[in-house]
Structures are given as C-alpha cells and as structure tokens.
C-alpha cells in the first residue's frame, strides 16, 4: 500500500527500487549502524526485496521505499514490522536515508505516515523504534515523533536504545 505525505511517496519495495535500495545497502555510512556496518552484496539487496514482498503478502505491511515526489528518486526506506522480525513481538517502525538526504526532515515525515498507517490500517496501539546507542540522529527522530525512551535492550543480536509510543484511538 502506497503512502503519501506532502513531499514523499512511500511505495512497498519493488524490483524497480533496486538501484535506489542498492545505493543505501552498499554505502558504509548508511550501514554503519545496521548489519554490524557490513554492506550488502547485490544479491543480498535482491533477496531483501523478495523477502519484503513475502512479508507484505503475509502481514499487509513491511518496508517502503521512500521517494521524493518532485524528483521521483529514492531518498530512503522505512518500515513497519514485528520487532527484530519476531512474529508476535511489538510493532517496530524504522527508517534509513541516503546520506545526502539527511537533515531534511524526511525520516520524521515518513515515520509519521507509517505511524498513521499502523494505527489506522493495522490497529496498532503501541509501537517501538530501536537504534544503535550511538545513532543520535535516529534518537532525535524518535523524540520528534513523540516517542519516549524505554531502555537499552538486546535486539538484532545487538544492544539497542528503545523508544516507545502508545497510540490512543480517537473513539
């Protein structure tokens, strides 16, 4: 399901997103807080697109490519998934951006759309976001989203800072 914001279009991963996703997966500065800093091979990027397809089919949510509406170029990726991909775990939101698009508010804008999707389409009432304890820019995005610090917990086989958000339905 595509999502739109004022400046962005979020599209579920498709094969046509390969080049933009590959730019992130092969950039050590993007991967420094993800995947233990190890860049992905082209095959791993293709496999991740297929894995995301499967999750969309199974759950009705997963990863979106984040595109600038004016240029049509991929500026990042965002997700709604089970925390650490463990079925039954709390819902996790996440994001990553191509470095030249940092500081433009894209992560916050995309995450707000994902939060709305989680509440309205999935019925989520509680979300978490996790990040490497050193990834201060992601911590700031979590704070801008109104999330509150929970703890440092182990996820993805790494210590992660965890922020949480309770979503109250308007009824």
C-alpha atoms as a PDB file:
ATOM      1  CA  UNK A   1       0.000   0.000   0.000  1.00  0.00           C
ATOM      2  CA  UNK A   2       1.445   3.329  -1.089  1.00  0.00           C
ATOM      3  CA  UNK A   3       1.513   6.206   1.394  1.00  0.00           C
ATOM      4  CA  UNK A   4       1.848   9.899   0.594  1.00  0.00           C
ATOM      5  CA  UNK A   5       2.979  12.908   2.557  1.00  0.00           C
ATOM      6  CA  UNK A   6       3.471  16.483   1.495  1.00  0.00           C
ATOM      7  CA  UNK A   7       6.898  15.765  -0.016  1.00  0.00           C
ATOM      8  CA  UNK A   8       7.203  11.991  -0.089  1.00  0.00           C
ATOM      9  CA  UNK A   9       5.689   8.882  -1.620  1.00  0.00           C
ATOM     10  CA  UNK A  10       6.238   5.587   0.195  1.00  0.00           C
ATOM     11  CA  UNK A  11       5.968   2.504  -2.007  1.00  0.00           C
ATOM     12  CA  UNK A  12       6.283  -1.135  -0.895  1.00  0.00           C
ATOM     13  CA  UNK A  13       9.642  -2.484  -2.090  1.00  0.00           C
ATOM     14  CA  UNK A  14       9.514  -3.477  -5.747  1.00  0.00           C
ATOM     15  CA  UNK A  15      12.164  -4.741  -8.138  1.00  0.00           C
ATOM     16  CA  UNK A  16      12.096  -1.275  -9.760  1.00  0.00           C
ATOM     17  CA  UNK A  17      13.515   0.140  -6.482  1.00  0.00           C
ATOM     18  CA  UNK A  18      16.665  -1.981  -6.751  1.00  0.00           C
ATOM     19  CA  UNK A  19      19.077   0.813  -7.765  1.00  0.00           C
ATOM     20  CA  UNK A  20      17.969   3.185  -5.004  1.00  0.00           C
ATOM     21  CA  UNK A  21      17.991   0.445  -2.373  1.00  0.00           C
ATOM     22  CA  UNK A  22      21.351  -0.757  -3.660  1.00  0.00           C
ATOM     23  CA  UNK A  23      22.761   2.761  -3.151  1.00  0.00           C
ATOM     24  CA  UNK A  24      21.889   2.504   0.556  1.00  0.00           C
ATOM     25  CA  UNK A  25      22.886  -1.140   1.011  1.00  0.00           C
ATOM     26  CA  UNK A  26      26.338  -0.557  -0.499  1.00  0.00           C
ATOM     27  CA  UNK A  27      27.097   2.662   1.408  1.00  0.00           C
ATOM     28  CA  UNK A  28      29.220   2.068   4.534  1.00  0.00           C
ATOM     29  CA  UNK A  29      27.969   5.323   6.088  1.00  0.00           C
ATOM     30  CA  UNK A  30      24.357   4.099   5.818  1.00  0.00           C
ATOM     31  CA  UNK A  31      25.202   0.624   7.071  1.00  0.00           C
ATOM     32  CA  UNK A  32      27.408   1.705   9.997  1.00  0.00           C
ATOM     33  CA  UNK A  33      24.501   1.290  12.435  1.00  0.00           C
ATOM     34  CA  UNK A  34      22.818  -1.540  10.512  1.00  0.00           C
ATOM     35  CA  UNK A  35      24.038  -5.046   9.790  1.00  0.00           C
ATOM     36  CA  UNK A  36      27.101  -4.507  12.021  1.00  0.00           C
ATOM     37  CA  UNK A  37      28.323  -1.986   9.436  1.00  0.00           C
ATOM     38  CA  UNK A  38      28.730  -4.612   6.708  1.00  0.00           C
ATOM     39  CA  UNK A  39      27.499  -3.513   3.283  1.00  0.00           C
ATOM     40  CA  UNK A  40      25.227  -5.886   1.403  1.00  0.00           C
ATOM     41  CA  UNK A  41      26.081  -7.613  -1.844  1.00  0.00           C
ATOM     42  CA  UNK A  42      23.888  -7.014  -4.914  1.00  0.00           C
ATOM     43  CA  UNK A  43      22.389 -10.485  -4.354  1.00  0.00           C
ATOM     44  CA  UNK A  44      21.530  -9.622  -0.743  1.00  0.00           C
ATOM     45  CA  UNK A  45      19.735  -6.461  -1.891  1.00  0.00           C
ATOM     46  CA  UNK A  46      17.702  -8.509  -4.380  1.00  0.00           C
ATOM     47  CA  UNK A  47      16.953 -11.113  -1.687  1.00  0.00           C
ATOM     48  CA  UNK A  48      15.785  -8.409   0.725  1.00  0.00           C
ATOM     49  CA  UNK A  49      13.340  -7.081  -1.902  1.00  0.00           C
ATOM     50  CA  UNK A  50      11.912 -10.604  -2.285  1.00  0.00           C
ATOM     51  CA  UNK A  51      11.762 -11.129   1.499  1.00  0.00           C
ATOM     52  CA  UNK A  52       9.866  -7.837   1.845  1.00  0.00           C
ATOM     53  CA  UNK A  53       7.430  -8.952  -0.894  1.00  0.00           C
ATOM     54  CA  UNK A  54       6.705 -12.082   1.157  1.00  0.00           C
ATOM     55  CA  UNK A  55       6.150 -10.086   4.336  1.00  0.00           C
ATOM     56  CA  UNK A  56       3.752  -7.715   2.567  1.00  0.00           C
ATOM     57  CA  UNK A  57       1.775 -10.736   1.364  1.00  0.00           C
ATOM     58  CA  UNK A  58       1.776 -12.392   4.804  1.00  0.00           C
ATOM     59  CA  UNK A  59       1.222  -9.390   7.095  1.00  0.00           C
ATOM     60  CA  UNK A  60      -0.007  -6.497   4.951  1.00  0.00           C
ATOM     61  CA  UNK A  61       2.989  -4.344   5.993  1.00  0.00           C
ATOM     62  CA  UNK A  62       6.789  -4.323   5.814  1.00  0.00           C
ATOM     63  CA  UNK A  63       9.300  -1.955   4.138  1.00  0.00           C
ATOM     64  CA  UNK A  64       8.603   1.001   1.857  1.00  0.00           C
ATOM     65  CA  UNK A  65      10.971   2.784  -0.499  1.00  0.00           C
ATOM     66  CA  UNK A  66      10.772   6.492   0.341  1.00  0.00           C
ATOM     67  CA  UNK A  67      10.697   8.626  -2.803  1.00  0.00           C
ATOM     68  CA  UNK A  68      10.893  12.380  -3.259  1.00  0.00           C
ATOM     69  CA  UNK A  69       7.643  13.312  -5.029  1.00  0.00           C
ATOM     70  CA  UNK A  70       9.289  16.022  -7.143  1.00  0.00           C
ATOM     71  CA  UNK A  71      12.335  14.129  -8.439  1.00  0.00           C
ATOM     72  CA  UNK A  72      10.946  10.601  -8.125  1.00  0.00           C
ATOM     73  CA  UNK A  73      14.274   9.463  -6.688  1.00  0.00           C
ATOM     74  CA  UNK A  74      14.609   7.174  -3.690  1.00  0.00           C
ATOM     75  CA  UNK A  75      15.778   9.095  -0.635  1.00  0.00           C
ATOM     76  CA  UNK A  76      15.484   6.277   1.891  1.00  0.00           C
ATOM     77  CA  UNK A  77      13.457   3.385   3.224  1.00  0.00           C
ATOM     78  CA  UNK A  78      11.041   2.994   6.119  1.00  0.00           C
ATOM     79  CA  UNK A  79       9.284   0.093   7.770  1.00  0.00           C
ATOM     80  CA  UNK A  80       6.592  -1.275   9.977  1.00  0.00           C
ATOM     81  CA  UNK A  81       7.472  -4.781  11.117  1.00  0.00           C
ATOM     82  CA  UNK A  82       7.467  -7.055  14.132  1.00  0.00           C
ATOM     83  CA  UNK A  83      10.394  -6.044  16.360  1.00  0.00           C
ATOM     84  CA  UNK A  84      13.533  -7.851  15.175  1.00  0.00           C
ATOM     85  CA  UNK A  85      11.259  -9.748  12.755  1.00  0.00           C
ATOM     86  CA  UNK A  86       9.956 -11.937  15.587  1.00  0.00           C
ATOM     87  CA  UNK A  87       6.314 -12.749  14.941  1.00  0.00           C
ATOM     88  CA  UNK A  88       4.139 -11.663  17.867  1.00  0.00           C
ATOM     89  CA  UNK A  89       6.680  -9.080  19.050  1.00  0.00           C
ATOM     90  CA  UNK A  90       5.599  -5.419  19.312  1.00  0.00           C
ATOM     91  CA  UNK A  91       5.348  -3.431  16.097  1.00  0.00           C
ATOM     92  CA  UNK A  92       8.544  -1.604  15.194  1.00  0.00           C
ATOM     93  CA  UNK A  93       8.925   1.411  12.965  1.00  0.00           C
ATOM     94  CA  UNK A  94      12.253   2.160  11.353  1.00  0.00           C
ATOM     95  CA  UNK A  95      13.973   4.213   8.692  1.00  0.00           C
ATOM     96  CA  UNK A  96      17.219   4.881   6.917  1.00  0.00           C
ATOM     97  CA  UNK A  97      18.182   7.565   4.450  1.00  0.00           C
ATOM     98  CA  UNK A  98      20.715   8.099   1.704  1.00  0.00           C
ATOM     99  CA  UNK A  99      23.268  10.467   3.340  1.00  0.00           C
ATOM    100  CA  UNK A 100      22.668  13.454   1.056  1.00  0.00           C
ATOM    101  CA  UNK A 101      19.061  13.484   2.261  1.00  0.00           C
ATOM    102  CA  UNK A 102      19.864  13.704   5.973  1.00  0.00           C
ATOM    103  CA  UNK A 103      18.695  16.813   7.800  1.00  0.00           C
ATOM    104  CA  UNK A 104      15.665  17.492   5.580  1.00  0.00           C
ATOM    105  CA  UNK A 105      13.047  16.008   7.909  1.00  0.00           C
ATOM    106  CA  UNK A 106      12.338  13.084   5.571  1.00  0.00           C
ATOM    107  CA  UNK A 107      12.737  10.398   8.257  1.00  0.00           C
ATOM    108  CA  UNK A 108      10.280  12.168  10.563  1.00  0.00           C
ATOM    109  CA  UNK A 109       7.805  12.837   7.747  1.00  0.00           C
ATOM    110  CA  UNK A 110       7.909   9.229   6.515  1.00  0.00           C
ATOM    111  CA  UNK A 111       7.684   7.831  10.055  1.00  0.00           C
ATOM    112  CA  UNK A 112       4.603   9.954  10.782  1.00  0.00           C
ATOM    113  CA  UNK A 113       2.900   8.415   7.731  1.00  0.00           C
ATOM    114  CA  UNK A 114       3.926   4.927   8.880  1.00  0.00           C
ATOM    115  CA  UNK A 115       2.581   5.588  12.393  1.00  0.00           C
ATOM    116  CA  UNK A 116      -0.756   6.696  10.906  1.00  0.00           C
ATOM    117  CA  UNK A 117      -0.813   3.571   8.701  1.00  0.00           C
ATOM    118  CA  UNK A 118      -0.047   1.363  11.740  1.00  0.00           C
ATOM    119  CA  UNK A 119      -2.870   2.919  13.755  1.00  0.00           C
ATOM    120  CA  UNK A 120      -5.491   3.193  11.015  1.00  0.00           C
ATOM    121  CA  UNK A 121      -4.819   0.101   8.882  1.00  0.00           C
ATOM    122  CA  UNK A 122      -3.271  -2.368  11.314  1.00  0.00           C
ATOM    123  CA  UNK A 123      -4.965  -1.215  14.508  1.00  0.00           C
ATOM    124  CA  UNK A 124      -1.661  -0.815  16.344  1.00  0.00           C
ATOM    125  CA  UNK A 125      -1.869   0.856  19.748  1.00  0.00           C
ATOM    126  CA  UNK A 126       1.799   0.508  20.697  1.00  0.00           C
ATOM    127  CA  UNK A 127       4.947   0.977  18.606  1.00  0.00           C
ATOM    128  CA  UNK A 128       8.651   0.863  19.298  1.00  0.00           C
ATOM    129  CA  UNK A 129      11.690   2.096  17.435  1.00  0.00           C
ATOM    130  CA  UNK A 130      15.216   0.851  18.062  1.00  0.00           C
ATOM    131  CA  UNK A 131      18.618   2.217  17.165  1.00  0.00           C
ATOM    132  CA  UNK A 132      22.259   1.778  17.888  1.00  0.00           C
ATOM    133  CA  UNK A 133      23.001   3.685  21.113  1.00  0.00           C
ATOM    134  CA  UNK A 134      25.484   5.839  19.148  1.00  0.00           C
ATOM    135  CA  UNK A 135      22.989   6.757  16.399  1.00  0.00           C
ATOM    136  CA  UNK A 136      21.984  10.130  17.836  1.00  0.00           C
ATOM    137  CA  UNK A 137      20.185  11.364  14.687  1.00  0.00           C
ATOM    138  CA  UNK A 138      17.749   8.422  14.934  1.00  0.00           C
ATOM    139  CA  UNK A 139      17.215   9.112  18.638  1.00  0.00           C
ATOM    140  CA  UNK A 140      16.256  12.684  17.717  1.00  0.00           C
ATOM    141  CA  UNK A 141      13.755  11.457  15.108  1.00  0.00           C
ATOM    142  CA  UNK A 142      12.166   9.210  17.744  1.00  0.00           C
ATOM    143  CA  UNK A 143      11.873  12.172  20.103  1.00  0.00           C
ATOM    144  CA  UNK A 144      10.356  14.389  17.371  1.00  0.00           C
ATOM    145  CA  UNK A 145       7.766  11.658  16.796  1.00  0.00           C
ATOM    146  CA  UNK A 146       6.689  11.972  20.424  1.00  0.00           C
ATOM    147  CA  UNK A 147       8.241   8.644  21.396  1.00  0.00           C
ATOM    148  CA  UNK A 148       9.670   8.223  24.890  1.00  0.00           C
ATOM    149  CA  UNK A 149      12.827   6.469  25.966  1.00  0.00           C
ATOM    150  CA  UNK A 150      12.178   2.968  27.312  1.00  0.00           C
ATOM    151  CA  UNK A 151      15.525   1.210  27.822  1.00  0.00           C
ATOM    152  CA  UNK A 152      18.566  -0.328  26.245  1.00  0.00           C
ATOM    153  CA  UNK A 153      17.580  -3.840  25.188  1.00  0.00           C
ATOM    154  CA  UNK A 154      19.129  -6.531  23.033  1.00  0.00           C
ATOM    155  CA  UNK A 155      17.563  -6.844  19.562  1.00  0.00           C
ATOM    156  CA  UNK A 156      19.097  -7.983  16.281  1.00  0.00           C
ATOM    157  CA  UNK A 157      21.849  -9.522  18.453  1.00  0.00           C
ATOM    158  CA  UNK A 158      22.989  -6.013  19.427  1.00  0.00           C
ATOM    159  CA  UNK A 159      22.323  -3.621  22.312  1.00  0.00           C
ATOM    160  CA  UNK A 160      19.726  -1.129  21.077  1.00  0.00           C
ATOM    161  CA  UNK A 161      18.216   2.015  22.504  1.00  0.00           C
ATOM    162  CA  UNK A 162      14.438   1.543  22.523  1.00  0.00           C
ATOM    163  CA  UNK A 163      11.828   4.286  22.312  1.00  0.00           C
ATOM    164  CA  UNK A 164       8.096   3.596  22.577  1.00  0.00           C
ATOM    165  CA  UNK A 165       4.856   5.235  21.532  1.00  0.00           C
ATOM    166  CA  UNK A 166       1.338   4.476  22.739  1.00  0.00           C
ATOM    167  CA  UNK A 167      -1.319   5.321  20.178  1.00  0.00           C
ATOM    168  CA  UNK A 168      -4.718   6.164  21.538  1.00  0.00           C
ATOM    169  CA  UNK A 169      -7.654   5.739  19.216  1.00  0.00           C
ATOM    170  CA  UNK A 170      -9.947   8.766  18.902  1.00  0.00           C
ATOM    171  CA  UNK A 171     -13.124   6.840  19.851  1.00  0.00           C
END
